[in-house]
Every structure is written in structure tokens, then in C-alpha cells.
Amino acid sequence: MSPKAIYTCMLTIITLLLAPLAQAHPGTQAAAGLVEGFIHPLTGLDHMLIAIAAGYWAARAGNHGVRDMSLFLGLLLAGMLLGVASQAFPALGLATLLAFMLMVAVIAVVIAMPEKFVFVFFGGFALYQGLTHILEMPQQVMVASYITGLLISTGLLLALGNLLRHVVITRKPHAGG
């Protein structure tokens, strides 16, 4: 791995970890929601690993993974909007219904089209994570700001996974041995 690639990866990781600490306007509702949303994926190992893995996998498409990463973010947003609806109408039980539908869809796709399993896996995870992140959202934040921060942070994690794939693929083996 070239020194430039190592520095790029290190700088990306450091930036992701330190960016939420730079609060220009602490105490405002919008900043609290944005910062909370941005930092949440970075503090949850499940979210961080799946977003990096999804970005890594998306890079295989040859178009820098833009389509697949956009789909992941779109499904994450759809899950968050379902979470907002679940909070607004708790009697609907959307979380339970969605979990059941997701389980049935995964089983059906695995049986009918096993080659599409990875799409369903990452898409289902994005939808589920979006829903649960809203249901577990701190009460004192603005929802739109929280969602924006969460999408930005997840997008950066996807990009990091994509970058890692490119580094691994373009890595030249050491001469000698």
C-alpha cells in the first residue's frame, strides 16, 4: 500500500471521528440534532461496519458504486421516514410489520434469486437501521437535522468503504520476498 493511500485512509478516519466535536453553535436545536445524527453511526459498531462493508461492496460495480451507495442511503432514509411515521402513529405498529415483511422478503429472495442476496441484505439492513435509529433518537433533537446528520455520516462511511476497496484492488504486491 502506498504512503499516499495510507495517509488518505488515516485522514478520512480521523476526520470522521473528530468532525462532530467542531460545534460552531452549541446549544441550538438544529446543531444538536445534526451533531447527534452525525455522531450516532460512528458510535454504533453495527452501523459503522455495515456502511463501510456496503461501500466496499458497491465499488465492485465499476461506476465507483454511486448507484448502490445512493440506493443504500435511499433505503436508510425510507426506514427513517417509517420511524417518524411509527412515532406519529404508534398504534400502527409499523416496526413489527416492517420486521416481518423484511424477513419474508429476505427468505423469498434467497430462495428465488440467491445471486441477489447481497442487495437484499444491505438494503434490508439499511431500511431496518433507518427505522431503529429514529425510534432510538434522543427526544430533544430536531428530526430533520438528526436525519441529515445521520445521512451525511453514513455517506462518509460508505465512501470510506468504497475507498478501501479501491486501495485493496490497486495495491501492488511487494517485490522480492
Protein backbone atom coordinates (compact mmCIF):
# COMPACT_ATOMS: atom_id res chain seq x y z
CA MET A 1 0.00 0.00 0.00
CA SER A 2 1.42 3.36 -0.98
CA PRO A 3 2.09 6.01 1.67
CA LYS A 4 -0.42 8.29 -0.07
CA ALA A 5 -3.18 5.66 0.26
CA ILE A 6 -2.32 5.08 3.92
CA TYR A 7 -2.41 8.81 4.66
CA THR A 8 -5.72 9.18 2.81
CA CYS A 9 -7.32 6.36 4.81
CA MET A 10 -5.95 7.68 8.11
CA LEU A 11 -7.07 11.23 7.34
CA THR A 12 -10.57 10.01 6.42
CA ILE A 13 -10.93 8.05 9.65
CA ILE A 14 -9.59 10.90 11.80
CA THR A 15 -11.90 13.39 10.08
CA LEU A 16 -14.92 11.15 10.65
CA LEU A 17 -14.10 10.81 14.33
CA LEU A 18 -13.27 14.46 15.02
CA ALA A 19 -15.78 16.34 12.85
CA PRO A 20 -18.69 16.12 15.33
CA LEU A 21 -16.55 17.78 18.00
CA ALA A 22 -16.34 21.02 15.98
CA GLN A 23 -19.60 22.58 17.11
CA ALA A 24 -19.81 26.14 15.85
CA HIS A 25 -23.09 26.90 17.62
CA PRO A 26 -23.51 24.64 20.65
CA GLY A 27 -26.87 24.66 22.33
CA THR A 28 -29.04 25.26 19.29
CA GLN A 29 -31.68 22.68 18.45
CA ALA A 30 -30.58 22.30 14.82
CA ALA A 31 -26.93 21.82 15.78
CA ALA A 32 -27.89 19.34 18.50
CA GLY A 33 -29.91 17.31 16.02
CA LEU A 34 -27.26 17.48 13.30
CA VAL A 35 -24.42 16.58 15.65
CA GLU A 36 -26.40 13.78 17.31
CA GLY A 37 -27.34 12.36 13.92
CA PHE A 38 -23.79 12.65 12.58
CA ILE A 39 -22.12 11.02 15.57
CA HIS A 40 -24.63 8.20 16.04
CA PRO A 41 -23.38 5.95 13.20
CA LEU A 42 -19.79 6.48 14.36
CA THR A 43 -20.58 5.22 17.86
CA GLY A 44 -22.51 2.12 16.79
CA LEU A 45 -20.22 -0.64 15.59
CA ASP A 46 -23.05 -2.36 13.69
CA HIS A 47 -23.89 0.75 11.66
CA MET A 48 -20.25 1.65 11.06
CA LEU A 49 -19.25 -1.82 9.87
CA ILE A 50 -22.26 -2.39 7.63
CA ALA A 51 -21.91 1.04 5.97
CA ILE A 52 -18.19 0.51 5.31
CA ALA A 53 -18.90 -3.02 4.04
CA ALA A 54 -21.71 -1.73 1.79
CA GLY A 55 -19.39 0.92 0.33
CA TYR A 56 -16.68 -1.68 -0.17
CA TRP A 57 -19.14 -3.99 -1.93
CA ALA A 58 -20.63 -1.15 -4.01
CA ALA A 59 -17.22 -0.38 -5.52
CA ARG A 60 -17.34 -3.66 -7.43
CA ALA A 61 -19.81 -2.19 -9.92
CA GLY A 62 -17.14 -0.19 -11.74
CA ASN A 63 -19.06 3.10 -11.58
CA HIS A 64 -17.47 3.98 -8.23
CA GLY A 65 -20.51 2.43 -6.56
CA VAL A 66 -22.57 5.61 -6.81
CA ARG A 67 -25.80 3.80 -7.73
CA ASP A 68 -25.54 1.19 -4.99
CA MET A 69 -24.45 3.67 -2.32
CA SER A 70 -27.30 6.00 -3.31
CA LEU A 71 -29.71 3.08 -3.04
CA PHE A 72 -28.36 2.26 0.43
CA LEU A 73 -28.83 5.88 1.56
CA GLY A 74 -32.31 5.99 0.00
CA LEU A 75 -33.37 2.87 1.88
CA LEU A 76 -31.86 4.25 5.08
CA LEU A 77 -33.93 7.41 4.58
CA ALA A 78 -37.05 5.34 3.85
CA GLY A 79 -36.52 3.47 7.11
CA MET A 80 -36.09 6.74 9.00
CA LEU A 81 -39.33 8.08 7.49
CA LEU A 82 -41.09 4.89 8.58
CA GLY A 83 -39.67 5.52 12.04
CA VAL A 84 -41.09 9.04 12.04
CA ALA A 85 -44.48 7.61 10.99
CA SER A 86 -44.22 4.99 13.75
CA GLN A 87 -43.72 7.73 16.33
CA ALA A 88 -46.59 9.78 14.95
CA PHE A 89 -48.98 6.80 14.81
CA PRO A 90 -47.80 4.28 17.44
CA ALA A 91 -50.97 2.19 17.14
CA LEU A 92 -49.98 1.13 13.62
CA GLY A 93 -47.08 -0.98 14.86
CA LEU A 94 -45.02 -0.23 11.75
CA ALA A 95 -41.82 -1.55 13.29
CA THR A 96 -43.26 -5.01 13.86
CA LEU A 97 -44.93 -5.11 10.46
CA LEU A 98 -41.75 -3.95 8.72
CA ALA A 99 -39.59 -6.52 10.51
CA PHE A 100 -41.98 -9.29 9.45
CA MET A 101 -42.15 -8.08 5.84
CA LEU A 102 -38.37 -7.77 5.71
CA MET A 103 -37.91 -11.31 6.99
CA VAL A 104 -40.37 -12.68 4.40
CA ALA A 105 -38.69 -10.68 1.59
CA VAL A 106 -35.21 -11.90 2.52
CA ILE A 107 -36.35 -15.53 2.63
CA ALA A 108 -38.21 -15.18 -0.70
CA VAL A 109 -35.25 -13.59 -2.46
CA VAL A 110 -32.78 -16.10 -1.08
CA ILE A 111 -34.95 -18.95 -2.36
CA ALA A 112 -35.88 -17.40 -5.72
CA MET A 113 -32.72 -15.47 -6.62
CA PRO A 114 -29.74 -16.31 -4.42
CA GLU A 115 -27.47 -14.08 -6.55
CA LYS A 116 -29.48 -11.04 -5.35
CA PHE A 117 -28.94 -11.87 -1.67
CA VAL A 118 -26.30 -9.17 -1.13
CA PHE A 119 -28.64 -6.46 -2.47
CA VAL A 120 -31.40 -7.64 -0.14
CA PHE A 121 -29.00 -7.96 2.78
CA PHE A 122 -27.59 -4.45 2.53
CA GLY A 123 -30.94 -2.92 1.52
CA GLY A 124 -32.80 -4.66 4.34
CA PHE A 125 -30.17 -3.63 6.83
CA ALA A 126 -30.34 -0.01 5.65
CA LEU A 127 -34.13 0.04 5.97
CA TYR A 128 -34.05 -1.59 9.40
CA GLN A 129 -31.26 0.68 10.67
CA GLY A 130 -33.12 3.77 9.47
CA LEU A 131 -36.22 2.69 11.37
CA THR A 132 -34.42 1.78 14.58
CA HIS A 133 -32.25 4.91 14.55
CA ILE A 134 -35.34 7.09 14.55
CA LEU A 135 -37.07 5.02 17.23
CA GLU A 136 -33.93 5.31 19.42
CA MET A 137 -33.36 9.00 18.59
CA PRO A 138 -32.84 11.36 21.54
CA GLN A 139 -36.06 13.21 22.37
CA GLN A 140 -34.63 16.76 22.43
CA VAL A 141 -33.41 16.91 18.82
CA MET A 142 -34.96 18.19 15.63
CA VAL A 143 -35.81 15.21 13.43
CA ALA A 144 -34.82 16.78 10.09
CA SER A 145 -31.41 17.82 11.43
CA TYR A 146 -30.86 14.41 13.01
CA ILE A 147 -31.74 12.65 9.74
CA THR A 148 -29.44 14.97 7.78
CA GLY A 149 -26.52 14.29 10.13
CA LEU A 150 -27.14 10.55 10.03
CA LEU A 151 -27.25 10.52 6.21
CA ILE A 152 -24.06 12.59 5.91
CA SER A 153 -22.17 10.38 8.34
CA THR A 154 -23.40 7.19 6.69
CA GLY A 155 -22.48 8.58 3.27
CA LEU A 156 -18.95 9.22 4.51
CA LEU A 157 -18.73 5.68 5.89
CA LEU A 158 -19.92 4.32 2.52
CA ALA A 159 -17.29 6.42 0.77
CA LEU A 160 -14.63 5.11 3.17
CA GLY A 161 -15.59 1.52 2.31
CA ASN A 162 -15.51 2.40 -1.38
CA LEU A 163 -12.06 3.97 -0.99
CA LEU A 164 -10.80 0.91 0.88
CA ARG A 165 -11.93 -1.33 -1.98
CA HIS A 166 -10.04 0.81 -4.49
CA VAL A 167 -6.93 0.77 -2.31
CA VAL A 168 -7.07 -3.01 -1.95
CA ILE A 169 -7.65 -3.59 -5.67
CA THR A 170 -4.91 -1.22 -6.84
CA ARG A 171 -2.40 -2.38 -4.23
CA LYS A 172 0.71 -3.81 -5.80
CA PRO A 173 2.42 -6.77 -4.16
CA HIS A 174 5.85 -6.19 -2.65
CA ALA A 175 8.79 -7.02 -4.86
CA GLY A 176 11.11 -9.67 -3.55
CA GLY A 177 10.16 -11.93 -0.94
